[in-house]
């Protein structure tokens, strides 16, 4: 194969890669938008939960209720959720299931490991869930064992089922394994190409947050009433609150993953454009040289014939 033919093949390959990269950029941008929209849509849902907590906390405060109950799904008591006796610690780290997303998994792994090292916990006092198989090697290479791995959903439709799968494990952590502190680590999106690691405490609940909810003014003159036991209602509301936090973690992590992928594709596109310019320049030079050589041969043959 001549050098010109080789360059032609390299140019065609680079153009094919360029088309693939452009398509991946478009898909990543669309995914970022849909995950951002999904996270934003949680605001009204969260407000409804807080309104429910306001009502039941006001009623409990008025009647001096104890709010002690197990509603059957593992979320036992309001007071347990506020307990500062942390015992063991549980950690859920969100990474990716797919590649081509730059330093996304390395960044969240290093951040989570650095935060865990500050706690100075022995292995028996720490339980880790990894969401996304590409996290595993980073955590294990740092000496951390993973209790269970969950698959990161590949689309918006899969988030709800994954949250519903994880919630019973959180309940088991809290109520059977005496895990008093549960923390989420995930990449938080700032813009289409900027993200940073983020830490969110799931348990124990923030007492100031609950006091703030209880102290809010109700818009109408009278509070709504409820007939079920207040402890049952609080347990149900907290379960929905945990659902929101986990859903948000999934959504923001997936948005961050696609932002990282978009940034990687932008770098790849720039590199491909540079290579294309290089190949095209070489091709034009060699083609011009070949044409010149052919012309010289024709002239030489003409001169010899005369």
C-alpha atoms as a PDB file:
ATOM      1  CA  UNK A   1       0.000   0.000   0.000  1.00  0.00           C
ATOM      2  CA  UNK A   2       1.430   3.419  -1.008  1.00  0.00           C
ATOM      3  CA  UNK A   3       1.872   6.187   1.500  1.00  0.00           C
ATOM      4  CA  UNK A   4      -0.894   8.170  -0.214  1.00  0.00           C
ATOM      5  CA  UNK A   5      -3.352   5.290   0.097  1.00  0.00           C
ATOM      6  CA  UNK A   6      -2.370   4.854   3.764  1.00  0.00           C
ATOM      7  CA  UNK A   7      -3.006   8.529   4.437  1.00  0.00           C
ATOM      8  CA  UNK A   8      -6.380   8.309   2.689  1.00  0.00           C
ATOM      9  CA  UNK A   9      -7.343   5.418   4.943  1.00  0.00           C
ATOM     10  CA  UNK A  10      -6.188   7.328   8.043  1.00  0.00           C
ATOM     11  CA  UNK A  11      -8.212  10.369   6.981  1.00  0.00           C
ATOM     12  CA  UNK A  12     -11.352   8.273   6.483  1.00  0.00           C
ATOM     13  CA  UNK A  13     -10.860   6.569   9.867  1.00  0.00           C
ATOM     14  CA  UNK A  14     -10.397   9.923  11.603  1.00  0.00           C
ATOM     15  CA  UNK A  15     -13.542  11.287   9.923  1.00  0.00           C
ATOM     16  CA  UNK A  16     -15.543   8.249  11.090  1.00  0.00           C
ATOM     17  CA  UNK A  17     -14.266   8.739  14.651  1.00  0.00           C
ATOM     18  CA  UNK A  18     -15.105  12.420  14.434  1.00  0.00           C
ATOM     19  CA  UNK A  19     -18.711  11.579  13.519  1.00  0.00           C
ATOM     20  CA  UNK A  20     -18.978   9.137  16.452  1.00  0.00           C
ATOM     21  CA  UNK A  21     -17.539  11.670  18.899  1.00  0.00           C
ATOM     22  CA  UNK A  22     -19.953  14.354  17.716  1.00  0.00           C
ATOM     23  CA  UNK A  23     -22.871  11.986  18.221  1.00  0.00           C
ATOM     24  CA  UNK A  24     -21.673  11.112  21.719  1.00  0.00           C
ATOM     25  CA  UNK A  25     -21.402  14.818  22.526  1.00  0.00           C
ATOM     26  CA  UNK A  26     -25.012  15.338  21.477  1.00  0.00           C
ATOM     27  CA  UNK A  27     -26.222  12.358  23.516  1.00  0.00           C
ATOM     28  CA  UNK A  28     -24.253  13.485  26.584  1.00  0.00           C
ATOM     29  CA  UNK A  29     -25.712  16.995  26.358  1.00  0.00           C
ATOM     30  CA  UNK A  30     -29.249  15.604  26.039  1.00  0.00           C
ATOM     31  CA  UNK A  31     -28.686  13.283  29.003  1.00  0.00           C
ATOM     32  CA  UNK A  32     -27.394  16.134  31.142  1.00  0.00           C
ATOM     33  CA  UNK A  33     -30.556  18.113  30.421  1.00  0.00           C
ATOM     34  CA  UNK A  34     -32.950  15.278  31.231  1.00  0.00           C
ATOM     35  CA  UNK A  35     -31.199  14.403  34.495  1.00  0.00           C
ATOM     36  CA  UNK A  36     -31.147  18.057  35.525  1.00  0.00           C
ATOM     37  CA  UNK A  37     -34.867  18.284  34.792  1.00  0.00           C
ATOM     38  CA  UNK A  38     -35.538  15.154  36.837  1.00  0.00           C
ATOM     39  CA  UNK A  39     -33.631  16.539  39.834  1.00  0.00           C
ATOM     40  CA  UNK A  40     -35.409  19.898  39.539  1.00  0.00           C
ATOM     41  CA  UNK A  41     -38.790  18.151  39.490  1.00  0.00           C
ATOM     42  CA  UNK A  42     -38.112  16.795  42.990  1.00  0.00           C
ATOM     43  CA  UNK A  43     -38.482  20.269  44.511  1.00  0.00           C
ATOM     44  CA  UNK A  44     -42.276  20.198  44.692  1.00  0.00           C
ATOM     45  CA  UNK A  45     -42.281  16.599  45.908  1.00  0.00           C
ATOM     46  CA  UNK A  46     -39.817  17.550  48.637  1.00  0.00           C
ATOM     47  CA  UNK A  47     -41.966  20.519  49.623  1.00  0.00           C
ATOM     48  CA  UNK A  48     -44.984  18.213  50.014  1.00  0.00           C
ATOM     49  CA  UNK A  49     -43.001  15.917  52.309  1.00  0.00           C
ATOM     50  CA  UNK A  50     -41.832  18.869  54.398  1.00  0.00           C
ATOM     51  CA  UNK A  51     -45.396  20.130  54.700  1.00  0.00           C
ATOM     52  CA  UNK A  52     -46.466  16.714  55.943  1.00  0.00           C
ATOM     53  CA  UNK A  53     -43.634  16.679  58.475  1.00  0.00           C
ATOM     54  CA  UNK A  54     -44.618  20.165  59.610  1.00  0.00           C
ATOM     55  CA  UNK A  55     -48.172  19.029  60.329  1.00  0.00           C
ATOM     56  CA  UNK A  56     -47.224  15.876  62.192  1.00  0.00           C
ATOM     57  CA  UNK A  57     -44.387  17.529  64.146  1.00  0.00           C
ATOM     58  CA  UNK A  58     -46.698  20.331  65.247  1.00  0.00           C
ATOM     59  CA  UNK A  59     -49.293  17.802  66.335  1.00  0.00           C
ATOM     60  CA  UNK A  60     -46.692  15.672  68.104  1.00  0.00           C
ATOM     61  CA  UNK A  61     -45.279  18.717  69.889  1.00  0.00           C
ATOM     62  CA  UNK A  62     -48.751  19.840  70.943  1.00  0.00           C
ATOM     63  CA  UNK A  63     -49.746  16.437  72.297  1.00  0.00           C
ATOM     64  CA  UNK A  64     -46.232  15.511  73.533  1.00  0.00           C
ATOM     65  CA  UNK A  65     -46.225  12.380  71.379  1.00  0.00           C
ATOM     66  CA  UNK A  66     -43.263  10.015  71.524  1.00  0.00           C
ATOM     67  CA  UNK A  67     -43.223   8.974  67.836  1.00  0.00           C
ATOM     68  CA  UNK A  68     -42.009   5.448  68.500  1.00  0.00           C
ATOM     69  CA  UNK A  69     -43.083   2.857  65.955  1.00  0.00           C
ATOM     70  CA  UNK A  70     -41.976   0.258  63.460  1.00  0.00           C
ATOM     71  CA  UNK A  71     -44.112   0.536  60.331  1.00  0.00           C
ATOM     72  CA  UNK A  72     -42.903  -2.789  58.980  1.00  0.00           C
ATOM     73  CA  UNK A  73     -40.432  -1.548  56.391  1.00  0.00           C
ATOM     74  CA  UNK A  74     -37.513  -1.110  58.746  1.00  0.00           C
ATOM     75  CA  UNK A  75     -37.736   2.620  59.429  1.00  0.00           C
ATOM     76  CA  UNK A  76     -38.552   2.317  63.089  1.00  0.00           C
ATOM     77  CA  UNK A  77     -38.502   5.548  65.010  1.00  0.00           C
ATOM     78  CA  UNK A  78     -38.226   9.259  64.612  1.00  0.00           C
ATOM     79  CA  UNK A  79     -35.973   9.487  67.664  1.00  0.00           C
ATOM     80  CA  UNK A  80     -33.622   6.835  66.263  1.00  0.00           C
ATOM     81  CA  UNK A  81     -33.237   8.885  63.100  1.00  0.00           C
ATOM     82  CA  UNK A  82     -32.104  11.830  65.211  1.00  0.00           C
ATOM     83  CA  UNK A  83     -29.818   9.808  67.473  1.00  0.00           C
ATOM     84  CA  UNK A  84     -26.241  11.055  67.808  1.00  0.00           C
ATOM     85  CA  UNK A  85     -25.040   7.636  69.017  1.00  0.00           C
ATOM     86  CA  UNK A  86     -23.624   6.781  65.628  1.00  0.00           C
ATOM     87  CA  UNK A  87     -22.176   3.302  66.192  1.00  0.00           C
ATOM     88  CA  UNK A  88     -21.129   1.893  62.827  1.00  0.00           C
ATOM     89  CA  UNK A  89     -21.003   4.004  59.659  1.00  0.00           C
ATOM     90  CA  UNK A  90     -22.496   3.212  56.280  1.00  0.00           C
ATOM     91  CA  UNK A  91     -21.317   4.795  53.051  1.00  0.00           C
ATOM     92  CA  UNK A  92     -22.888   4.781  49.589  1.00  0.00           C
ATOM     93  CA  UNK A  93     -20.564   5.932  46.792  1.00  0.00           C
ATOM     94  CA  UNK A  94     -21.923   6.701  43.332  1.00  0.00           C
ATOM     95  CA  UNK A  95     -19.739   6.090  40.290  1.00  0.00           C
ATOM     96  CA  UNK A  96     -20.393   4.929  36.739  1.00  0.00           C
ATOM     97  CA  UNK A  97     -21.219   1.724  34.930  1.00  0.00           C
ATOM     98  CA  UNK A  98     -19.859   2.938  31.599  1.00  0.00           C
ATOM     99  CA  UNK A  99     -16.494   4.241  30.466  1.00  0.00           C
ATOM    100  CA  UNK A 100     -15.305   7.231  28.466  1.00  0.00           C
ATOM    101  CA  UNK A 101     -16.052   9.645  31.293  1.00  0.00           C
ATOM    102  CA  UNK A 102     -12.572  10.907  32.123  1.00  0.00           C
ATOM    103  CA  UNK A 103     -11.580  11.079  35.782  1.00  0.00           C
ATOM    104  CA  UNK A 104     -15.170  10.796  37.010  1.00  0.00           C
ATOM    105  CA  UNK A 105     -14.724   7.606  39.050  1.00  0.00           C
ATOM    106  CA  UNK A 106     -11.218   8.449  40.233  1.00  0.00           C
ATOM    107  CA  UNK A 107     -12.345  11.849  41.479  1.00  0.00           C
ATOM    108  CA  UNK A 108     -15.268  10.647  43.586  1.00  0.00           C
ATOM    109  CA  UNK A 109     -13.263   7.669  44.877  1.00  0.00           C
ATOM    110  CA  UNK A 110     -10.358   9.829  46.036  1.00  0.00           C
ATOM    111  CA  UNK A 111     -12.734  12.290  47.680  1.00  0.00           C
ATOM    112  CA  UNK A 112     -14.689   9.569  49.515  1.00  0.00           C
ATOM    113  CA  UNK A 113     -11.501   7.812  50.635  1.00  0.00           C
ATOM    114  CA  UNK A 114     -10.072  11.081  51.952  1.00  0.00           C
ATOM    115  CA  UNK A 115     -13.262  11.730  53.938  1.00  0.00           C
ATOM    116  CA  UNK A 116     -13.337   8.175  55.305  1.00  0.00           C
ATOM    117  CA  UNK A 117      -9.724   8.402  56.431  1.00  0.00           C
ATOM    118  CA  UNK A 118     -10.669  11.379  58.585  1.00  0.00           C
ATOM    119  CA  UNK A 119     -13.055   9.144  60.552  1.00  0.00           C
ATOM    120  CA  UNK A 120     -10.266   6.661  61.383  1.00  0.00           C
ATOM    121  CA  UNK A 121     -12.685   3.741  61.508  1.00  0.00           C
ATOM    122  CA  UNK A 122     -11.699   0.107  61.692  1.00  0.00           C
ATOM    123  CA  UNK A 123     -13.064  -2.131  58.889  1.00  0.00           C
ATOM    124  CA  UNK A 124     -15.651  -3.723  61.179  1.00  0.00           C
ATOM    125  CA  UNK A 125     -17.140  -0.281  61.889  1.00  0.00           C
ATOM    126  CA  UNK A 126     -17.534   0.650  58.228  1.00  0.00           C
ATOM    127  CA  UNK A 127     -19.921  -0.693  55.578  1.00  0.00           C
ATOM    128  CA  UNK A 128     -19.652   0.449  51.944  1.00  0.00           C
ATOM    129  CA  UNK A 129     -22.086   0.198  49.053  1.00  0.00           C
ATOM    130  CA  UNK A 130     -20.678   0.987  45.599  1.00  0.00           C
ATOM    131  CA  UNK A 131     -23.089   2.112  42.889  1.00  0.00           C
ATOM    132  CA  UNK A 132     -21.366   1.517  39.562  1.00  0.00           C
ATOM    133  CA  UNK A 133     -18.903  -1.293  38.849  1.00  0.00           C
ATOM    134  CA  UNK A 134     -16.098   1.042  37.758  1.00  0.00           C
ATOM    135  CA  UNK A 135     -15.693   2.228  41.348  1.00  0.00           C
ATOM    136  CA  UNK A 136     -14.670  -1.167  42.654  1.00  0.00           C
ATOM    137  CA  UNK A 137     -11.024  -1.233  41.586  1.00  0.00           C
ATOM    138  CA  UNK A 138     -10.362   2.254  42.982  1.00  0.00           C
ATOM    139  CA  UNK A 139     -11.827   1.421  46.386  1.00  0.00           C
ATOM    140  CA  UNK A 140     -10.261  -2.015  46.653  1.00  0.00           C
ATOM    141  CA  UNK A 141      -6.825  -0.722  45.657  1.00  0.00           C
ATOM    142  CA  UNK A 142      -7.093   1.684  48.606  1.00  0.00           C
ATOM    143  CA  UNK A 143      -7.796  -1.231  50.944  1.00  0.00           C
ATOM    144  CA  UNK A 144     -11.557  -0.768  51.363  1.00  0.00           C
ATOM    145  CA  UNK A 145     -13.883  -3.741  51.197  1.00  0.00           C
ATOM    146  CA  UNK A 146     -17.251  -3.363  49.486  1.00  0.00           C
ATOM    147  CA  UNK A 147     -20.253  -4.953  51.172  1.00  0.00           C
ATOM    148  CA  UNK A 148     -22.436  -4.800  48.074  1.00  0.00           C
ATOM    149  CA  UNK A 149     -22.356  -3.362  44.561  1.00  0.00           C
ATOM    150  CA  UNK A 150     -25.361  -1.929  42.735  1.00  0.00           C
ATOM    151  CA  UNK A 151     -25.581  -1.198  39.029  1.00  0.00           C
ATOM    152  CA  UNK A 152     -25.835   2.428  38.021  1.00  0.00           C
ATOM    153  CA  UNK A 153     -28.917   2.731  35.773  1.00  0.00           C
ATOM    154  CA  UNK A 154     -28.234   3.674  32.196  1.00  0.00           C
ATOM    155  CA  UNK A 155     -31.333   5.829  31.810  1.00  0.00           C
ATOM    156  CA  UNK A 156     -33.722   8.016  33.740  1.00  0.00           C
ATOM    157  CA  UNK A 157     -36.343   5.273  33.787  1.00  0.00           C
ATOM    158  CA  UNK A 158     -34.117   2.976  35.859  1.00  0.00           C
ATOM    159  CA  UNK A 159     -33.484   5.352  38.781  1.00  0.00           C
ATOM    160  CA  UNK A 160     -36.729   4.704  40.655  1.00  0.00           C
ATOM    161  CA  UNK A 161     -36.293   0.929  40.727  1.00  0.00           C
ATOM    162  CA  UNK A 162     -32.689   1.279  41.942  1.00  0.00           C
ATOM    163  CA  UNK A 163     -33.750   3.611  44.756  1.00  0.00           C
ATOM    164  CA  UNK A 164     -36.448   1.158  45.771  1.00  0.00           C
ATOM    165  CA  UNK A 165     -33.837  -1.612  45.764  1.00  0.00           C
ATOM    166  CA  UNK A 166     -31.423   0.299  48.001  1.00  0.00           C
ATOM    167  CA  UNK A 167     -33.945   1.603  50.567  1.00  0.00           C
ATOM    168  CA  UNK A 168     -34.490  -1.782  52.304  1.00  0.00           C
ATOM    169  CA  UNK A 169     -30.717  -2.170  52.649  1.00  0.00           C
ATOM    170  CA  UNK A 170     -30.538   1.228  54.343  1.00  0.00           C
ATOM    171  CA  UNK A 171     -33.317   0.149  56.697  1.00  0.00           C
ATOM    172  CA  UNK A 172     -31.388  -3.028  57.506  1.00  0.00           C
ATOM    173  CA  UNK A 173     -28.234  -1.018  58.136  1.00  0.00           C
ATOM    174  CA  UNK A 174     -30.029   1.273  60.544  1.00  0.00           C
ATOM    175  CA  UNK A 175     -32.217  -1.156  62.438  1.00  0.00           C
ATOM    176  CA  UNK A 176     -30.400  -4.492  62.396  1.00  0.00           C
ATOM    177  CA  UNK A 177     -26.733  -3.643  62.039  1.00  0.00           C
ATOM    178  CA  UNK A 178     -26.732  -0.589  64.327  1.00  0.00           C
ATOM    179  CA  UNK A 179     -25.380   1.749  61.664  1.00  0.00           C
ATOM    180  CA  UNK A 180     -26.143   5.208  62.983  1.00  0.00           C
ATOM    181  CA  UNK A 181     -24.471   7.344  60.322  1.00  0.00           C
ATOM    182  CA  UNK A 182     -25.151   6.934  56.611  1.00  0.00           C
ATOM    183  CA  UNK A 183     -23.402   9.199  54.108  1.00  0.00           C
ATOM    184  CA  UNK A 184     -23.761   9.545  50.339  1.00  0.00           C
ATOM    185  CA  UNK A 185     -20.817  10.486  48.111  1.00  0.00           C
ATOM    186  CA  UNK A 186     -21.478  11.531  44.531  1.00  0.00           C
ATOM    187  CA  UNK A 187     -20.354  14.002  41.891  1.00  0.00           C
ATOM    188  CA  UNK A 188     -22.456  17.153  41.932  1.00  0.00           C
ATOM    189  CA  UNK A 189     -22.994  18.974  38.631  1.00  0.00           C
ATOM    190  CA  UNK A 190     -22.235  22.703  38.359  1.00  0.00           C
ATOM    191  CA  UNK A 191     -22.529  23.252  34.612  1.00  0.00           C
ATOM    192  CA  UNK A 192     -22.522  21.196  31.431  1.00  0.00           C
ATOM    193  CA  UNK A 193     -18.802  20.483  31.808  1.00  0.00           C
ATOM    194  CA  UNK A 194     -18.052  21.235  35.480  1.00  0.00           C
ATOM    195  CA  UNK A 195     -18.719  18.997  38.460  1.00  0.00           C
ATOM    196  CA  UNK A 196     -17.265  18.334  41.890  1.00  0.00           C
ATOM    197  CA  UNK A 197     -17.478  15.630  44.572  1.00  0.00           C
ATOM    198  CA  UNK A 198     -20.262  16.117  47.086  1.00  0.00           C
ATOM    199  CA  UNK A 199     -21.047  14.597  50.481  1.00  0.00           C
ATOM    200  CA  UNK A 200     -24.567  14.307  51.875  1.00  0.00           C
ATOM    201  CA  UNK A 201     -25.491  12.956  55.300  1.00  0.00           C
ATOM    202  CA  UNK A 202     -28.571  10.773  55.115  1.00  0.00           C
ATOM    203  CA  UNK A 203     -28.604   9.792  58.802  1.00  0.00           C
ATOM    204  CA  UNK A 204     -28.745  10.982  61.506  1.00  0.00           C
ATOM    205  CA  UNK A 205     -31.307  13.582  60.519  1.00  0.00           C
ATOM    206  CA  UNK A 206     -30.393  17.214  60.875  1.00  0.00           C
ATOM    207  CA  UNK A 207     -32.214  18.425  63.992  1.00  0.00           C
ATOM    208  CA  UNK A 208     -31.966  22.057  62.887  1.00  0.00           C
ATOM    209  CA  UNK A 209     -33.611  21.161  59.583  1.00  0.00           C
ATOM    210  CA  UNK A 210     -36.552  19.565  61.409  1.00  0.00           C
ATOM    211  CA  UNK A 211     -36.844  22.531  63.767  1.00  0.00           C
ATOM    212  CA  UNK A 212     -36.886  24.823  60.756  1.00  0.00           C
ATOM    213  CA  UNK A 213     -39.702  22.774  59.188  1.00  0.00           C
ATOM    214  CA  UNK A 214     -41.713  22.834  62.408  1.00  0.00           C
ATOM    215  CA  UNK A 215     -41.258  26.600  62.824  1.00  0.00           C
ATOM    216  CA  UNK A 216     -42.560  27.468  59.345  1.00  0.00           C
ATOM    217  CA  UNK A 217     -45.792  29.449  59.084  1.00  0.00           C
ATOM    218  CA  UNK A 218     -48.741  27.515  57.705  1.00  0.00           C
ATOM    219  CA  UNK A 219     -50.488  29.291  54.857  1.00  0.00           C
ATOM    220  CA  UNK A 220     -54.023  28.735  56.087  1.00  0.00           C
ATOM    221  CA  UNK A 221     -55.586  29.339  59.506  1.00  0.00           C
ATOM    222  CA  UNK A 222     -55.821  25.698  60.539  1.00  0.00           C
ATOM    223  CA  UNK A 223     -53.513  22.738  60.135  1.00  0.00           C
ATOM    224  CA  UNK A 224     -54.737  19.658  58.264  1.00  0.00           C
ATOM    225  CA  UNK A 225     -55.728  16.736  60.450  1.00  0.00           C
ATOM    226  CA  UNK A 226     -54.753  13.097  60.115  1.00  0.00           C
ATOM    227  CA  UNK A 227     -56.230   9.927  61.545  1.00  0.00           C
ATOM    228  CA  UNK A 228     -53.324   7.470  61.438  1.00  0.00           C
ATOM    229  CA  UNK A 229     -50.896   7.318  64.394  1.00  0.00           C
ATOM    230  CA  UNK A 230     -48.352  10.139  64.139  1.00  0.00           C
ATOM    231  CA  UNK A 231     -45.420   7.759  64.510  1.00  0.00           C
ATOM    232  CA  UNK A 232     -46.606   5.714  61.526  1.00  0.00           C
ATOM    233  CA  UNK A 233     -47.031   8.856  59.462  1.00  0.00           C
ATOM    234  CA  UNK A 234     -43.570  10.193  60.361  1.00  0.00           C
ATOM    235  CA  UNK A 235     -41.943   6.881  59.459  1.00  0.00           C
ATOM    236  CA  UNK A 236     -43.703   6.945  56.078  1.00  0.00           C
ATOM    237  CA  UNK A 237     -42.747  10.576  55.427  1.00  0.00           C
ATOM    238  CA  UNK A 238     -39.118   9.915  56.312  1.00  0.00           C
ATOM    239  CA  UNK A 239     -39.048   6.972  53.952  1.00  0.00           C
ATOM    240  CA  UNK A 240     -40.240   9.301  51.168  1.00  0.00           C
ATOM    241  CA  UNK A 241     -37.650  11.873  52.229  1.00  0.00           C
ATOM    242  CA  UNK A 242     -34.880   9.262  51.925  1.00  0.00           C
ATOM    243  CA  UNK A 243     -36.297   8.302  48.525  1.00  0.00           C
ATOM    244  CA  UNK A 244     -35.925  11.926  47.385  1.00  0.00           C
ATOM    245  CA  UNK A 245     -32.329  12.192  48.610  1.00  0.00           C
ATOM    246  CA  UNK A 246     -31.310   8.943  46.923  1.00  0.00           C
ATOM    247  CA  UNK A 247     -33.099   9.851  43.698  1.00  0.00           C
ATOM    248  CA  UNK A 248     -31.341  13.214  43.690  1.00  0.00           C
ATOM    249  CA  UNK A 249     -27.978  11.515  44.256  1.00  0.00           C
ATOM    250  CA  UNK A 250     -28.595   9.202  41.287  1.00  0.00           C
ATOM    251  CA  UNK A 251     -29.781  12.040  39.064  1.00  0.00           C
ATOM    252  CA  UNK A 252     -26.947  14.417  39.895  1.00  0.00           C
ATOM    253  CA  UNK A 253     -24.340  11.672  39.613  1.00  0.00           C
ATOM    254  CA  UNK A 254     -25.621  10.650  36.183  1.00  0.00           C
ATOM    255  CA  UNK A 255     -25.687  14.293  35.090  1.00  0.00           C
ATOM    256  CA  UNK A 256     -22.106  14.656  36.327  1.00  0.00           C
ATOM    257  CA  UNK A 257     -21.062  11.482  34.523  1.00  0.00           C
ATOM    258  CA  UNK A 258     -22.423  12.809  31.251  1.00  0.00           C
ATOM    259  CA  UNK A 259     -20.775  16.182  31.874  1.00  0.00           C
ATOM    260  CA  UNK A 260     -17.487  14.350  32.319  1.00  0.00           C
ATOM    261  CA  UNK A 261     -18.148  12.361  29.156  1.00  0.00           C
ATOM    262  CA  UNK A 262     -18.992  15.560  27.266  1.00  0.00           C
ATOM    263  CA  UNK A 263     -15.721  17.138  28.413  1.00  0.00           C
ATOM    264  CA  UNK A 264     -13.801  14.017  27.364  1.00  0.00           C
ATOM    265  CA  UNK A 265     -15.472  14.018  23.959  1.00  0.00           C
ATOM    266  CA  UNK A 266     -14.604  17.688  23.488  1.00  0.00           C
ATOM    267  CA  UNK A 267     -10.947  16.878  24.114  1.00  0.00           C
ATOM    268  CA  UNK A 268     -11.179  13.872  21.788  1.00  0.00           C
ATOM    269  CA  UNK A 269     -12.801  15.997  19.087  1.00  0.00           C
ATOM    270  CA  UNK A 270     -10.029  18.568  19.313  1.00  0.00           C
ATOM    271  CA  UNK A 271      -7.381  15.845  19.039  1.00  0.00           C
ATOM    272  CA  UNK A 272      -9.128  14.302  16.034  1.00  0.00           C
ATOM    273  CA  UNK A 273      -9.360  17.690  14.314  1.00  0.00           C
ATOM    274  CA  UNK A 274      -5.641  18.208  14.848  1.00  0.00           C
ATOM    275  CA  UNK A 275      -4.857  14.764  13.446  1.00  0.00           C
ATOM    276  CA  UNK A 276      -7.145  15.375  10.488  1.00  0.00           C
ATOM    277  CA  UNK A 277      -5.361  18.639   9.745  1.00  0.00           C
ATOM    278  CA  UNK A 278      -2.024  16.819   9.986  1.00  0.00           C
ATOM    279  CA  UNK A 279      -3.127  13.921   7.753  1.00  0.00           C
ATOM    280  CA  UNK A 280      -4.734  16.253   5.205  1.00  0.00           C
ATOM    281  CA  UNK A 281      -1.588  18.380   5.029  1.00  0.00           C
ATOM    282  CA  UNK A 282       0.601  15.310   4.530  1.00  0.00           C
ATOM    283  CA  UNK A 283      -1.797  13.924   1.914  1.00  0.00           C
ATOM    284  CA  UNK A 284      -1.862  17.175  -0.051  1.00  0.00           C
ATOM    285  CA  UNK A 285       1.923  17.450   0.108  1.00  0.00           C
ATOM    286  CA  UNK A 286       2.475  13.866  -1.046  1.00  0.00           C
ATOM    287  CA  UNK A 287      -0.207  14.190  -3.698  1.00  0.00           C
ATOM    288  CA  UNK A 288       1.398  17.366  -5.004  1.00  0.00           C
ATOM    289  CA  UNK A 289       4.783  15.666  -5.004  1.00  0.00           C
ATOM    290  CA  UNK A 290       3.356  12.717  -6.934  1.00  0.00           C
ATOM    291  CA  UNK A 291       1.753  15.029  -9.485  1.00  0.00           C
ATOM    292  CA  UNK A 292       5.004  16.966  -9.877  1.00  0.00           C
ATOM    293  CA  UNK A 293       6.946  13.724 -10.386  1.00  0.00           C
ATOM    294  CA  UNK A 294       4.468  12.582 -13.024  1.00  0.00           C
ATOM    295  CA  UNK A 295       4.754  15.894 -14.853  1.00  0.00           C
ATOM    296  CA  UNK A 296       8.552  15.741 -14.783  1.00  0.00           C
ATOM    297  CA  UNK A 297       8.457  12.214 -16.199  1.00  0.00           C
ATOM    298  CA  UNK A 298       6.160  13.357 -19.018  1.00  0.00           C
ATOM    299  CA  UNK A 299       8.416  16.329 -19.816  1.00  0.00           C
ATOM    300  CA  UNK A 300      11.524  14.169 -19.700  1.00  0.00           C
ATOM    301  CA  UNK A 301       9.935  11.601 -22.004  1.00  0.00           C
ATOM    302  CA  UNK A 302       8.868  14.347 -24.396  1.00  0.00           C
ATOM    303  CA  UNK A 303      12.344  15.848 -24.512  1.00  0.00           C
ATOM    304  CA  UNK A 304      13.975  12.454 -25.112  1.00  0.00           C
ATOM    305  CA  UNK A 305      11.583  11.728 -27.972  1.00  0.00           C
ATOM    306  CA  UNK A 306      12.747  14.885 -29.727  1.00  0.00           C
END
